[in-house]
Amino acid sequence: MFQSGKTAVANFLSESSAADDVISRPTQGVRIVEIQLSLNVNDKQCKVDVELWDCSGDHKFESCWPAFRAGVHGVILVCSPNTVNVAAREMELLYNYFVSQAKLSAKQCVVLYNCSEDQDDLDVLNLSPTFSKVSQVAVNLKTGGNRLKIDFSNYITSVLQSLNK
């Protein structure tokens, strides 16, 4: 989704920048950041290397989507208060292409609502029933960054468990 804060979330998770050190520039195509996590997966402690693909929300890059989707194991969809008016339709489109058509389960997708403290109501998203089994998380990078890192680690653990079935 265009201007939803995907890059800010990716930078924060990869520790590429602090939450209050965010310059908003549209991503051109895709930017890949690498993150190493220590996780407990199926009662085993392991180090996991994650490639987080920060993909542009601009439809002029739609011709790149097949490459973005190839070999995908999980999808993080990000929206924010400034994109909430188009979020439902756009999220449905992205979910269909990157999750459904890639044959991923709902557990391999998460919706992050990138918001401020006074805008953390997920009900404003008004997402379709398609998202009823998809985890939806309100995110505030300035005050809830540690919570985001925990939620992200839990999401990656869930994806890994889905792959091991």
Foldseek 3Di string as FASTA:
>chain_A
DAPQCLVLLVCLLLVVDANVPDDDDFDDAKDWGWHWDFAQAPNDTDIDIDIDISGGPDCVNVVCVVVVQPPDLAEEAGGEPVCLVCQQVSVVVCCCSRDVVSVHDLLRYEYEYEYAPVPQDPVSSVHDCVNVSHHYYYDYRVPCSVVSNVVVSVSVSSSVNVVVD
